[in-house]
Protein backbone atom coordinates (compact mmCIF):
# COMPACT_ATOMS: atom_id res chain seq x y z
CA MET A 1 -1.07 -42.23 62.25
CA ASN A 2 -0.98 -46.03 62.44
CA ASN A 3 -2.54 -47.50 59.28
CA ALA A 4 -3.58 -50.61 61.18
CA ARG A 5 -6.21 -48.55 63.00
CA LYS A 6 -7.81 -47.27 59.78
CA PRO A 7 -11.05 -48.85 58.62
CA ALA A 8 -10.69 -51.71 56.16
CA HIS A 9 -12.21 -49.76 53.28
CA HIS A 10 -9.65 -46.98 53.79
CA ARG A 11 -6.74 -49.48 53.74
CA VAL A 12 -8.10 -50.90 50.42
CA ALA A 13 -8.22 -47.41 48.95
CA LEU A 14 -4.60 -46.76 49.98
CA LEU A 15 -3.55 -50.07 48.42
CA ALA A 16 -5.30 -49.22 45.18
CA THR A 17 -3.65 -45.81 45.12
CA ALA A 18 -0.22 -47.32 45.69
CA LEU A 19 -0.80 -49.93 42.99
CA ALA A 20 -1.86 -47.26 40.53
CA ALA A 21 1.23 -45.21 41.35
CA THR A 22 3.44 -48.27 40.81
CA MET A 23 1.82 -48.95 37.42
CA PHE A 24 2.28 -45.32 36.42
CA VAL A 25 5.98 -45.42 37.28
CA ALA A 26 6.43 -48.67 35.35
CA ALA A 27 4.66 -47.21 32.32
CA CYS A 28 7.08 -44.29 32.31
CA GLY A 29 10.03 -46.67 32.17
CA GLY A 30 11.16 -46.53 35.76
CA GLY A 31 10.88 -48.47 38.98
CA ASP A 32 11.64 -51.94 37.53
CA ASP A 33 15.22 -53.01 36.94
CA ASP A 34 14.00 -56.19 35.23
CA ALA A 35 11.86 -54.39 32.63
CA PRO A 36 12.77 -55.26 29.02
CA ALA A 37 14.94 -52.81 27.14
CA PRO A 38 13.09 -50.62 24.66
CA ALA A 39 12.97 -51.86 21.10
CA PRO A 40 15.57 -50.37 18.73
CA GLN A 41 14.36 -47.22 17.03
CA PRO A 42 13.36 -48.00 13.44
CA VAL A 43 15.43 -46.39 10.74
CA LEU A 44 13.76 -43.42 9.16
CA SER A 45 12.56 -44.36 5.70
CA HIS A 46 12.51 -42.19 2.56
CA GLN A 47 16.29 -42.11 2.09
CA LEU A 48 18.27 -42.54 -1.13
CA TYR A 49 22.00 -42.97 -1.66
CA THR A 50 24.45 -43.05 -4.57
CA GLU A 51 28.21 -43.47 -4.81
CA THR A 52 30.51 -40.84 -6.31
CA ASN A 53 33.21 -43.48 -7.06
CA GLU A 54 35.79 -40.68 -7.10
CA THR A 55 39.37 -41.19 -5.97
CA ALA A 56 38.23 -40.08 -2.50
CA ASN A 57 35.06 -42.16 -2.66
CA ALA A 58 31.91 -40.87 -0.96
CA ILE A 59 28.18 -41.45 -0.62
CA VAL A 60 25.68 -38.74 -1.54
CA HIS A 61 22.52 -38.81 0.60
CA PHE A 62 19.06 -37.66 -0.47
CA THR A 63 15.74 -37.59 1.35
CA ARG A 64 12.67 -38.55 -0.65
CA GLN A 65 9.66 -36.28 -0.38
CA ALA A 66 6.03 -37.43 -0.36
CA ASP A 67 5.67 -36.33 -4.00
CA GLY A 68 8.70 -38.40 -5.04
CA THR A 69 11.08 -35.47 -5.46
CA LEU A 70 14.54 -35.48 -3.88
CA VAL A 71 16.31 -33.14 -1.49
CA ARG A 72 20.08 -33.45 -1.48
CA LYS A 73 21.68 -33.76 1.96
CA GLU A 74 25.25 -34.41 3.10
CA THR A 75 28.08 -36.28 1.36
CA THR A 76 29.98 -38.81 3.49
CA PRO A 77 33.43 -40.26 2.66
CA THR A 78 33.66 -44.05 2.56
CA GLY A 79 37.28 -43.98 3.67
CA GLY A 80 38.24 -45.81 0.48
CA ALA A 81 39.20 -45.01 -3.09
CA GLY A 82 36.92 -45.24 -6.10
CA THR A 83 38.02 -45.85 -9.66
CA ASN A 84 37.37 -42.20 -10.65
CA ALA A 85 35.77 -43.45 -13.88
CA VAL A 86 38.85 -45.43 -14.98
CA ASN A 87 37.94 -48.97 -15.97
CA ALA A 88 40.03 -52.15 -15.74
CA ALA A 89 41.50 -51.45 -19.19
CA GLY A 90 42.69 -48.00 -18.12
CA ASN A 91 40.08 -46.01 -20.06
CA THR A 92 38.01 -43.18 -18.62
CA VAL A 93 34.36 -44.14 -19.18
CA PRO A 94 30.94 -44.09 -17.52
CA ASP A 95 30.24 -47.30 -15.57
CA SER A 96 33.86 -48.10 -14.88
CA LEU A 97 32.71 -50.83 -12.45
CA VAL A 98 30.61 -52.51 -15.18
CA SER A 99 28.09 -53.70 -12.64
CA GLN A 100 24.84 -53.39 -10.75
CA HIS A 101 24.53 -53.15 -6.93
CA SER A 102 27.84 -51.53 -6.05
CA ILE A 103 26.02 -50.09 -3.03
CA ILE A 104 23.39 -52.00 -1.02
CA ALA A 105 21.48 -51.66 2.25
CA SER A 106 20.70 -54.19 4.97
CA PRO A 107 17.05 -55.31 5.10
CA ASP A 108 16.39 -53.25 8.23
CA GLY A 109 17.94 -50.15 6.68
CA SER A 110 20.46 -49.76 9.48
CA THR A 111 23.62 -50.36 7.41
CA LEU A 112 25.00 -49.54 3.98
CA PHE A 113 27.70 -51.51 2.18
CA VAL A 114 29.71 -49.93 -0.64
CA VAL A 115 32.57 -51.05 -2.87
CA ASN A 116 35.77 -49.05 -3.25
CA GLY A 117 37.01 -50.25 -6.62
CA GLY A 118 40.13 -48.07 -6.57
CA ASP A 119 41.77 -49.70 -3.55
CA ASP A 120 40.10 -53.13 -3.44
CA SER A 121 38.11 -52.51 -0.29
CA ILE A 122 34.52 -52.49 1.00
CA SER A 123 33.13 -49.93 3.45
CA VAL A 124 30.41 -50.62 6.00
CA MET A 125 28.44 -47.53 7.05
CA ALA A 126 25.88 -47.03 9.82
CA VAL A 127 22.64 -45.21 9.01
CA ASP A 128 21.38 -42.71 11.60
CA PRO A 129 17.82 -43.85 12.44
CA SER A 130 16.48 -40.31 12.81
CA THR A 131 18.12 -38.52 9.87
CA GLY A 132 19.43 -41.14 7.47
CA ALA A 133 22.94 -39.63 7.71
CA LEU A 134 25.88 -42.04 7.44
CA THR A 135 28.84 -42.81 9.66
CA LEU A 136 31.72 -44.98 8.51
CA LYS A 137 32.00 -48.06 10.75
CA LYS A 138 34.91 -49.76 9.05
CA ARG A 139 36.66 -50.18 5.73
CA SER A 140 38.07 -53.64 4.99
CA SER A 141 40.51 -54.65 2.29
CA THR A 142 39.44 -57.51 0.06
CA ALA A 143 42.39 -59.72 -0.73
CA ALA A 144 40.23 -62.22 -2.60
CA GLY A 145 39.95 -60.30 -5.88
CA HIS A 146 40.67 -57.08 -7.74
CA ILE A 147 38.15 -54.22 -8.18
CA PRO A 148 35.03 -55.21 -6.18
CA ASN A 149 31.96 -54.23 -8.18
CA SER A 150 28.75 -55.85 -6.86
CA LEU A 151 27.42 -56.82 -3.43
CA ALA A 152 24.68 -58.95 -1.88
CA LEU A 153 23.81 -59.60 1.78
CA ASN A 154 22.25 -62.69 3.35
CA HIS A 155 21.87 -63.29 7.09
CA GLY A 156 24.99 -61.40 8.11
CA VAL A 157 27.16 -62.68 5.26
CA LEU A 158 28.25 -60.31 2.48
CA TYR A 159 28.98 -61.60 -1.02
CA ALA A 160 31.13 -59.58 -3.41
CA THR A 161 32.12 -60.03 -7.03
CA PHE A 162 35.37 -58.73 -8.53
CA ILE A 163 36.30 -57.72 -12.06
CA GLY A 164 39.70 -59.42 -11.84
CA GLY A 165 42.05 -61.33 -9.61
CA ALA A 166 42.52 -64.98 -8.81
CA SER A 167 38.96 -65.21 -7.43
CA GLN A 168 36.02 -63.27 -8.81
CA LEU A 169 33.65 -64.00 -5.89
CA ALA A 170 34.06 -63.99 -2.11
CA ALA A 171 31.99 -64.40 1.05
CA PHE A 172 32.55 -62.31 4.18
CA LYS A 173 31.07 -62.47 7.67
CA VAL A 174 29.95 -58.99 8.79
CA GLU A 175 31.27 -58.40 12.28
CA ALA A 176 29.57 -56.23 14.90
CA ASP A 177 32.08 -53.43 14.41
CA GLY A 178 31.56 -53.39 10.66
CA GLY A 179 34.66 -55.40 9.87
CA LEU A 180 34.60 -58.15 7.27
CA THR A 181 36.05 -61.60 7.91
CA GLN A 182 36.54 -63.65 4.76
CA LEU A 183 34.78 -67.01 4.80
CA GLY A 184 35.74 -68.15 1.32
CA SER A 185 36.84 -67.11 -2.16
CA TYR A 186 35.70 -68.66 -5.42
CA ASP A 187 37.23 -68.86 -8.88
CA LEU A 188 34.37 -68.55 -11.36
CA LEU A 189 36.46 -69.86 -14.23
CA ALA A 190 37.40 -73.12 -12.53
CA LEU A 191 34.15 -73.70 -10.64
CA GLY A 192 31.85 -72.70 -13.47
CA GLY A 193 33.81 -74.34 -16.29
CA LEU A 194 34.08 -71.01 -18.07
CA ALA A 195 36.58 -69.73 -20.58
CA THR A 196 36.10 -66.15 -19.43
CA ALA A 197 34.52 -64.40 -16.48
CA ALA A 198 34.11 -60.75 -15.55
CA PRO A 199 31.05 -60.76 -13.25
CA THR A 200 28.58 -57.90 -13.35
CA GLN A 201 26.27 -58.78 -10.46
CA VAL A 202 25.62 -61.02 -7.49
CA ILE A 203 22.19 -61.36 -5.83
CA VAL A 204 20.63 -63.82 -3.38
CA SER A 205 17.57 -65.92 -4.25
CA PRO A 206 14.32 -65.07 -2.39
CA ASP A 207 14.61 -68.09 -0.10
CA GLY A 208 18.22 -67.27 0.77
CA GLY A 209 19.37 -70.55 -0.68
CA PHE A 210 21.57 -69.38 -3.55
CA ALA A 211 24.01 -66.65 -4.50
CA VAL A 212 23.31 -66.00 -8.19
CA VAL A 213 26.14 -64.49 -10.24
CA SER A 214 25.97 -62.97 -13.69
CA ALA A 215 29.39 -64.18 -14.81
CA GLY A 216 29.94 -61.50 -17.45
CA THR A 217 28.65 -60.64 -20.89
CA GLY A 218 31.41 -62.64 -22.57
CA SER A 219 30.70 -65.74 -20.51
CA ASN A 220 27.04 -66.12 -21.57
CA ALA A 221 26.58 -67.80 -18.18
CA ILE A 222 24.76 -67.39 -14.90
CA LEU A 223 26.09 -69.32 -11.89
CA SER A 224 23.95 -70.39 -8.93
CA PHE A 225 25.97 -71.15 -5.78
CA PRO A 226 24.15 -72.98 -2.96
CA ILE A 227 24.58 -71.19 0.36
CA ALA A 228 25.59 -73.35 3.34
CA ALA A 229 24.41 -72.71 6.89
CA ASP A 230 27.66 -70.90 7.72
CA GLY A 231 27.37 -68.65 4.65
CA THR A 232 30.04 -70.40 2.58
CA LEU A 233 29.21 -71.45 -0.97
CA GLY A 234 29.02 -74.88 -2.54
CA ALA A 235 29.72 -75.99 -6.10
CA PRO A 236 27.68 -73.87 -8.53
CA VAL A 237 25.15 -74.90 -11.12
CA THR A 238 26.17 -73.29 -14.40
CA SER A 239 23.41 -72.13 -16.73
CA ALA A 240 25.33 -71.50 -19.95
CA GLY A 241 23.93 -70.91 -23.38
CA VAL A 242 20.42 -70.11 -22.13
CA LEU A 243 21.05 -66.40 -22.53
CA ALA A 244 23.41 -64.29 -24.63
CA THR A 245 25.39 -61.51 -22.95
CA PRO A 246 23.63 -61.37 -19.53
CA PHE A 247 24.34 -58.30 -17.43
CA ALA A 248 21.82 -57.77 -14.60
CA GLY A 249 19.23 -60.06 -13.02
CA ALA A 250 16.37 -59.86 -10.56
CA PHE A 251 13.79 -62.18 -9.04
CA VAL A 252 10.14 -61.24 -9.52
CA PRO A 253 8.68 -60.31 -6.10
CA GLY A 254 5.69 -62.37 -4.98
CA ALA A 255 5.94 -64.98 -7.72
CA ALA A 256 4.37 -68.33 -6.77
CA SER A 257 7.50 -70.10 -8.06
CA PRO A 258 10.84 -68.31 -8.44
CA VAL A 259 11.06 -66.37 -11.69
CA TYR A 260 14.44 -64.90 -12.58
CA LEU A 261 14.71 -62.02 -15.05
CA SER A 262 17.88 -61.08 -16.89
CA THR A 263 18.83 -58.45 -19.41
CA GLY A 264 20.44 -59.60 -22.64
CA ILE A 265 22.60 -57.01 -24.36
CA SER A 266 23.11 -58.58 -27.78
CA THR A 267 19.44 -59.57 -28.13
CA GLN A 268 18.17 -56.16 -26.88
CA SER A 269 15.84 -58.06 -24.58
CA LEU A 270 14.51 -58.88 -21.16
CA ASN A 271 14.36 -62.61 -20.48
CA ALA A 272 12.41 -64.73 -17.98
CA PHE A 273 13.57 -68.04 -16.51
CA SER A 274 12.27 -70.55 -14.02
CA PHE A 275 14.66 -71.13 -11.12
CA SER A 276 14.70 -74.75 -9.98
CA ALA A 277 15.40 -76.20 -6.55
CA THR A 278 18.96 -76.92 -7.73
CA GLY A 279 19.50 -73.38 -9.01
CA ALA A 280 19.26 -74.26 -12.71
CA LEU A 281 17.60 -71.82 -15.10
CA ALA A 282 15.11 -72.78 -17.81
CA ALA A 283 13.84 -70.26 -20.37
CA LEU A 284 10.22 -69.12 -20.01
CA GLY A 285 10.01 -66.25 -22.44
CA GLN A 286 11.55 -63.10 -23.86
CA ALA A 287 10.48 -59.61 -24.80
CA SER A 288 12.70 -57.38 -26.91
CA ALA A 289 13.04 -53.67 -27.38
CA PRO A 290 14.44 -53.24 -30.92
CA GLY A 291 16.47 -50.11 -31.42
CA THR A 292 17.71 -49.86 -27.86
CA ALA A 293 21.43 -49.90 -27.25
CA ALA A 294 23.15 -51.78 -24.40
CA PRO A 295 20.17 -52.85 -22.27
CA CYS A 296 22.09 -53.63 -19.10
CA TRP A 297 20.56 -52.54 -15.78
CA LEU A 298 17.34 -53.96 -14.36
CA VAL A 299 14.89 -53.12 -11.57
CA VAL A 300 11.48 -54.60 -10.80
CA THR A 301 8.64 -52.88 -8.94
CA PRO A 302 8.03 -54.35 -5.46
CA ASP A 303 4.51 -55.32 -6.54
CA GLY A 304 6.07 -57.53 -9.25
CA LYS A 305 4.07 -55.99 -12.10
CA THR A 306 6.64 -53.92 -14.02
CA ALA A 307 10.30 -54.10 -14.95
CA PHE A 308 12.46 -51.23 -16.08
CA VAL A 309 15.66 -51.75 -18.08
CA GLY A 310 18.33 -49.06 -18.19
CA ASN A 311 20.08 -48.74 -21.53
CA GLY A 312 23.63 -47.57 -22.10
CA SER A 313 22.33 -45.18 -24.75
CA GLY A 314 20.48 -43.20 -22.06
CA SER A 315 16.92 -44.51 -22.34
CA ILE A 316 14.78 -46.63 -20.03
CA SER A 317 12.53 -49.40 -21.40
CA SER A 318 9.47 -50.66 -19.54
CA TYR A 319 8.00 -54.18 -19.49
CA ALA A 320 4.83 -55.65 -18.03
CA ILE A 321 5.16 -58.83 -15.98
CA ASN A 322 2.20 -61.22 -15.92
CA GLY A 323 3.17 -64.52 -14.37
CA ASN A 324 5.79 -65.99 -16.69
CA THR A 325 4.96 -63.61 -19.55
CA LEU A 326 6.88 -60.45 -20.38
CA THR A 327 5.44 -57.74 -22.63
CA LEU A 328 7.22 -54.63 -23.85
CA LEU A 329 5.31 -51.56 -22.76
CA ASP A 330 7.56 -48.82 -24.09
CA ALA A 331 11.03 -49.14 -25.57
CA THR A 332 11.66 -45.51 -24.60
CA ALA A 333 9.69 -44.86 -21.44
CA ALA A 334 12.28 -42.22 -20.54
CA LEU A 335 15.26 -40.65 -22.28
CA GLU A 336 17.92 -38.23 -21.10
CA PRO A 337 20.10 -36.50 -23.69
CA SER A 338 23.87 -36.54 -23.42
CA VAL A 339 25.49 -33.48 -21.87
CA GLN A 340 29.07 -34.35 -22.85
CA ALA A 341 30.06 -34.64 -26.48
CA GLY A 342 30.68 -38.22 -27.51
CA ILE A 343 29.49 -39.63 -24.17
CA ASN A 344 26.13 -41.43 -23.81
CA SER A 345 24.05 -40.43 -20.81
CA VAL A 346 23.88 -44.12 -19.65
CA ALA A 347 20.68 -44.89 -17.74
CA ALA A 348 22.16 -47.22 -15.14
CA ASP A 349 21.51 -48.29 -11.55
CA SER A 350 17.96 -47.63 -10.41
CA TRP A 351 15.86 -48.05 -7.27
CA ILE A 352 12.07 -48.12 -6.84
CA SER A 353 10.19 -46.93 -3.74
CA PRO A 354 8.48 -49.68 -1.70
CA ASP A 355 5.02 -48.48 -2.80
CA SER A 356 6.04 -48.94 -6.48
CA LYS A 357 5.22 -45.29 -7.21
CA PHE A 358 8.63 -43.74 -7.86
CA LEU A 359 11.74 -44.69 -9.84
CA TYR A 360 15.18 -43.16 -9.23
CA THR A 361 17.94 -43.61 -11.82
CA ALA A 362 21.62 -42.73 -11.89
CA TYR A 363 22.66 -41.40 -15.30
CA LEU A 364 26.36 -42.16 -15.26
CA GLY A 365 27.36 -40.22 -18.39
CA ASP A 366 25.40 -37.16 -17.28
CA ASP A 367 26.59 -37.22 -13.66
CA LYS A 368 23.07 -36.92 -12.28
CA VAL A 369 20.17 -38.64 -10.52
CA VAL A 370 16.68 -38.39 -12.01
CA ALA A 371 13.38 -38.98 -10.18
CA TYR A 372 10.29 -40.35 -11.99
CA ALA A 373 6.69 -41.01 -11.05
CA ILE A 374 5.51 -44.47 -12.21
CA GLY A 375 2.07 -44.47 -13.82
CA LEU A 376 -0.46 -47.28 -13.48
CA ASN A 377 0.40 -48.35 -17.04
CA GLY A 378 4.14 -48.38 -16.32
CA SER A 379 4.71 -44.96 -17.85
CA LEU A 380 7.36 -42.64 -16.42
CA ALA A 381 6.89 -38.94 -15.70
CA LYS A 382 10.03 -37.00 -14.83
CA LEU A 383 9.83 -35.17 -11.50
CA GLY A 384 13.26 -33.61 -11.39
CA GLU A 385 17.00 -34.16 -11.52
CA THR A 386 20.07 -33.45 -9.39
CA VAL A 387 23.56 -33.06 -10.82
CA ILE A 388 26.11 -34.71 -8.52
CA GLY A 389 29.23 -32.80 -9.57
CA THR A 390 31.92 -35.48 -9.58
CA ALA A 391 35.41 -34.49 -10.72
CA THR A 392 35.25 -36.30 -14.05
CA HIS A 393 31.45 -35.99 -14.42
CA LEU A 394 31.59 -39.74 -15.28
CA SER A 395 32.41 -41.65 -12.11
CA LEU A 396 28.92 -41.89 -10.55
CA GLN A 397 27.93 -45.46 -9.65
CA GLY A 398 25.22 -47.38 -7.81
CA MET A 399 21.86 -46.56 -6.26
CA VAL A 400 19.97 -47.78 -3.18
CA GLY A 401 17.15 -46.54 -0.96
CA ILE A 402 15.57 -47.37 2.37
């Protein structure tokens, strides 16, 4: 039948029906070649990862349950070689990388970066958005230095420190395929005016303006490198003598002005510093935990209220953060006994859930990961543990979650 002969009100009804059908098709994702592509699927949260650091290096994946407990999932090779618990001096020990942040995640949780200290390489791994499982994208050799041990990421540029070699710091552009293109390498000794350097950590300041390097416990120095627009690094500001034997550092989340915290091994302390616009550190205060041994590793709750320090002896100390003031809450908020004769359990790399409710710690001398619930007063209640089962029972390294 010819639609032109239909009454006007009937033609309007047909038009409305057709329009509704068109809108329905568009809403289902069809019928419009110019429609925007769907947004990338967000990465599933509640994942945790640690590095075996064995000769055939691999990442162990856990899922985090609502109650904070862990479920172990698959183990994925990095394609590179770990140190297998052998340190730079050739000794078999826990924490052979002598560092914090040997494994890190991109801010969106889509990518993991991990050091392979045994073959001087770094692996880039994709995270499955639905399961958290990993796939190796690419492993890249790092000619800049020897034994990469700590990583930091800033706007597509990866920074890595090295225990030895001609340069102890390097910057790499992360390519789309996971490859790393070196942008620059940096000699901490020459640039920082140091007599010795064996860096333990690199992190990026909250504004993305500086790469901050703990230059090693023997250096008594922290170096702040300004980051240029292309990711390369400028001449560092050296903060020397403000802290004895620094190991790990962290910025306090949400602080009105940047506050940098650092562990101090010889002083058995946690130390607070202001961080100036030039990257210089100035002491604000200190809180000590007498009786602890080797306070090295550091993690701060995302709400900025509590800091936990992992001690080489196998205990965890807790500190309250109130502005610029640090207060010791408990020198032994947690303690794991040694399981190997003559080997400390070593409470090392830790990660805290985004809601500040759960702490996860790698005990390097005990070859295990322990989950804790964080109380309102900063107390720790053990939820459970998982033994990793590395070949030496000592090579475990690093911790990160998404």
